[in-house]
Amino acid sequence: MTPSSQRTRWSLLAAAGLILLIAGIGVGLLRFSPNKSSAPAGWVFELQFPDPAGQPVKLESVRGRLTVVNFWATWCPPCVEEMPELSRVHDQMSSKDVKVIGLAVDSPSNVREFMKSRAFSYPLLVTGGSGSELAKKLGNSVEALPYTVLIDENGRILKQKLGRIKEEELKAWITELR
């Protein structure tokens, strides 16, 4: 094999590898992005979950408001990092009929222990393992955390994000709609 044909062969192999890499990244992005759910999500407001103390809380109480539903867990560092920011958004936007709800995909005992050293202004409810299925119904195809969904007053999913959400991003979502 001549040096020229070797270079051509290596160039073709490199190009094929690059094409496969780009295709793999594209498939991964599609697979790990939240499903854009066009289905109504008003059924969420018919659910109830216990707070960390075990008292049942009906989500009906936030029906008719712009609602941020955040799936989290005590063992999830990005979830814990975003919680103070979610609390500030809740504080600043509650008067504008915007509510934040945290749904812990975790055990009640873990959430109670976690709350001993922290306080947040928005309701934290415990879904246990069923939270993964609930998040999946709301578009989280990979069942990863954190996962945030913005549901409008009519029960439609407007925005969703897999991964840590920043305060500025969440405020931009809300400002865009208000």
Protein backbone atom coordinates (compact mmCIF):
# COMPACT_ATOMS: atom_id res chain seq x y z
CA MET A 1 0.00 0.00 0.00
CA THR A 2 1.41 3.35 -0.99
CA PRO A 3 1.65 6.26 1.47
CA SER A 4 -0.93 8.15 -0.59
CA SER A 5 -3.48 5.32 -0.41
CA GLN A 6 -2.83 4.93 3.34
CA ARG A 7 -3.59 8.64 3.88
CA THR A 8 -6.77 8.31 1.83
CA ARG A 9 -7.82 5.25 3.82
CA TRP A 10 -7.17 7.00 7.17
CA SER A 11 -9.02 10.10 5.97
CA LEU A 12 -12.05 8.00 5.01
CA LEU A 13 -11.98 6.16 8.35
CA ALA A 14 -11.71 9.47 10.23
CA ALA A 15 -14.61 10.96 8.26
CA ALA A 16 -16.76 7.86 8.89
CA GLY A 17 -15.91 8.00 12.59
CA LEU A 18 -16.82 11.69 12.75
CA ILE A 19 -20.16 11.03 11.05
CA LEU A 20 -20.92 8.22 13.51
CA LEU A 21 -19.95 10.43 16.45
CA ILE A 22 -22.23 13.25 15.28
CA ALA A 23 -25.09 10.81 14.70
CA GLY A 24 -24.58 9.31 18.18
CA ILE A 25 -24.64 12.74 19.80
CA GLY A 26 -27.85 13.58 17.93
CA VAL A 27 -29.55 10.36 19.01
CA GLY A 28 -28.41 10.91 22.61
CA LEU A 29 -29.77 14.45 22.66
CA LEU A 30 -33.11 13.28 21.33
CA ARG A 31 -33.27 10.37 23.75
CA PHE A 32 -32.30 12.33 26.84
CA SER A 33 -34.38 15.45 26.16
CA PRO A 34 -37.76 15.78 27.84
CA ASN A 35 -40.65 14.74 25.63
CA LYS A 36 -42.59 17.77 24.56
CA SER A 37 -45.90 16.74 25.99
CA SER A 38 -48.92 18.27 24.30
CA ALA A 39 -51.29 16.25 26.44
CA PRO A 40 -53.16 18.15 29.12
CA ALA A 41 -51.69 17.88 32.61
CA GLY A 42 -54.72 19.09 34.57
CA TRP A 43 -54.96 15.62 36.10
CA VAL A 44 -51.94 16.55 38.26
CA PHE A 45 -54.21 18.81 40.31
CA GLU A 46 -56.38 15.83 41.22
CA LEU A 47 -53.48 14.15 43.05
CA GLN A 48 -52.45 14.38 46.67
CA PHE A 49 -49.20 13.55 48.42
CA PRO A 50 -48.06 13.71 52.03
CA ASP A 51 -45.88 16.50 53.31
CA PRO A 52 -42.71 15.41 55.19
CA ALA A 53 -44.75 15.09 58.41
CA GLY A 54 -47.15 12.69 56.69
CA GLN A 55 -50.11 15.06 56.35
CA PRO A 56 -51.89 14.69 52.97
CA VAL A 57 -51.85 17.77 50.73
CA LYS A 58 -54.14 18.04 47.71
CA LEU A 59 -52.63 19.66 44.64
CA GLU A 60 -56.12 21.03 43.99
CA SER A 61 -55.00 23.99 46.11
CA VAL A 62 -52.84 25.32 43.25
CA ARG A 63 -55.28 24.67 40.40
CA GLY A 64 -55.95 27.81 38.39
CA ARG A 65 -52.45 29.20 38.92
CA LEU A 66 -49.25 29.03 36.96
CA THR A 67 -47.57 26.11 38.72
CA VAL A 68 -43.92 25.09 38.77
CA VAL A 69 -43.64 21.39 39.61
CA ASN A 70 -40.10 20.39 40.55
CA PHE A 71 -39.13 16.73 40.98
CA TRP A 72 -36.16 16.31 43.30
CA ALA A 73 -34.48 14.02 45.82
CA THR A 74 -32.33 14.54 48.90
CA TRP A 75 -29.48 12.51 47.36
CA CYS A 76 -29.41 14.64 44.16
CA PRO A 77 -26.81 17.49 44.42
CA PRO A 78 -28.22 19.59 41.53
CA CYS A 79 -31.69 19.25 43.06
CA VAL A 80 -30.49 20.57 46.41
CA GLU A 81 -28.53 23.39 44.72
CA GLU A 82 -31.60 24.75 42.92
CA MET A 83 -33.94 24.66 45.93
CA PRO A 84 -32.99 28.09 47.40
CA GLU A 85 -33.56 29.63 43.97
CA LEU A 86 -36.94 27.91 43.64
CA SER A 87 -37.79 29.26 47.08
CA ARG A 88 -36.93 32.82 46.00
CA VAL A 89 -39.04 32.48 42.85
CA HIS A 90 -41.93 31.20 44.97
CA ASP A 91 -41.56 34.14 47.38
CA GLN A 92 -41.35 36.74 44.62
CA MET A 93 -44.04 35.33 42.34
CA SER A 94 -46.71 33.99 44.72
CA SER A 95 -48.47 37.34 44.69
CA LYS A 96 -48.71 37.01 40.90
CA ASP A 97 -50.53 33.66 41.15
CA VAL A 98 -47.41 31.59 40.52
CA LYS A 99 -46.81 28.62 42.81
CA VAL A 100 -43.84 26.30 43.17
CA ILE A 101 -44.28 22.74 44.43
CA GLY A 102 -41.44 20.33 45.15
CA LEU A 103 -42.19 16.63 44.70
CA ALA A 104 -39.58 14.46 46.40
CA VAL A 105 -38.86 11.20 44.65
CA ASP A 106 -37.54 9.95 47.96
CA SER A 107 -38.61 8.42 51.25
CA PRO A 108 -40.47 10.42 53.91
CA SER A 109 -37.72 9.73 56.46
CA ASN A 110 -35.00 11.06 54.12
CA VAL A 111 -37.02 14.21 53.44
CA ARG A 112 -37.72 14.77 57.15
CA GLU A 113 -34.02 14.39 57.97
CA PHE A 114 -33.09 16.73 55.10
CA MET A 115 -35.57 19.37 56.34
CA LYS A 116 -34.08 19.42 59.86
CA SER A 117 -31.29 21.71 58.64
CA ARG A 118 -33.11 23.59 55.87
CA ALA A 119 -36.26 25.60 55.26
CA PHE A 120 -37.93 26.49 51.99
CA SER A 121 -40.95 28.69 51.36
CA TYR A 122 -42.67 26.40 48.87
CA PRO A 123 -44.48 23.16 49.71
CA LEU A 124 -42.39 20.01 49.65
CA LEU A 125 -44.38 16.82 49.22
CA VAL A 126 -43.22 13.21 49.15
CA THR A 127 -44.06 10.98 46.19
CA GLY A 128 -41.69 8.12 46.91
CA GLY A 129 -40.94 5.91 43.94
CA SER A 130 -44.22 6.81 42.22
CA GLY A 131 -42.73 10.24 41.50
CA SER A 132 -40.59 8.74 38.73
CA GLU A 133 -43.69 7.47 36.95
CA LEU A 134 -45.46 10.79 37.47
CA ALA A 135 -42.47 12.70 36.04
CA LYS A 136 -42.44 10.30 33.09
CA LYS A 137 -46.12 11.06 32.39
CA LEU A 138 -45.15 14.73 32.37
CA GLY A 139 -42.45 14.20 29.75
CA ASN A 140 -39.34 13.02 31.62
CA SER A 141 -38.40 10.16 29.31
CA VAL A 142 -35.19 9.21 31.15
CA GLU A 143 -36.51 9.48 34.72
CA ALA A 144 -33.57 11.63 35.80
CA LEU A 145 -33.56 14.42 38.39
CA PRO A 146 -34.04 17.27 38.81
CA TYR A 147 -36.96 17.74 36.46
CA THR A 148 -39.07 20.89 36.31
CA VAL A 149 -42.41 21.41 34.57
CA LEU A 150 -44.39 24.64 34.20
CA ILE A 151 -48.14 24.02 34.02
CA ASP A 152 -50.53 26.84 33.15
CA GLU A 153 -53.84 27.76 34.74
CA ASN A 154 -55.67 25.47 32.29
CA GLY A 155 -53.54 22.43 33.06
CA ARG A 156 -51.29 22.54 29.98
CA ILE A 157 -47.56 21.90 30.08
CA LEU A 158 -45.84 25.05 28.83
CA LYS A 159 -42.19 24.43 29.65
CA GLN A 160 -40.07 21.58 30.95
CA LYS A 161 -36.45 21.10 31.81
CA LEU A 162 -34.39 18.08 32.68
CA GLY A 163 -31.47 19.08 34.89
CA ARG A 164 -30.76 21.97 37.22
CA ILE A 165 -32.86 25.04 36.55
CA LYS A 166 -31.48 28.47 37.33
CA GLU A 167 -33.53 31.21 38.96
CA GLU A 168 -33.07 33.53 35.96
CA GLU A 169 -34.27 30.86 33.54
CA LEU A 170 -37.38 30.12 35.57
CA LYS A 171 -38.17 33.83 35.94
CA ALA A 172 -37.77 34.23 32.17
CA TRP A 173 -40.28 31.41 31.60
CA ILE A 174 -42.77 33.14 33.89
CA THR A 175 -42.15 36.65 32.54
CA GLU A 176 -42.68 35.35 29.00
CA LEU A 177 -46.16 34.21 30.04
CA ARG A 178 -47.18 37.14 32.25
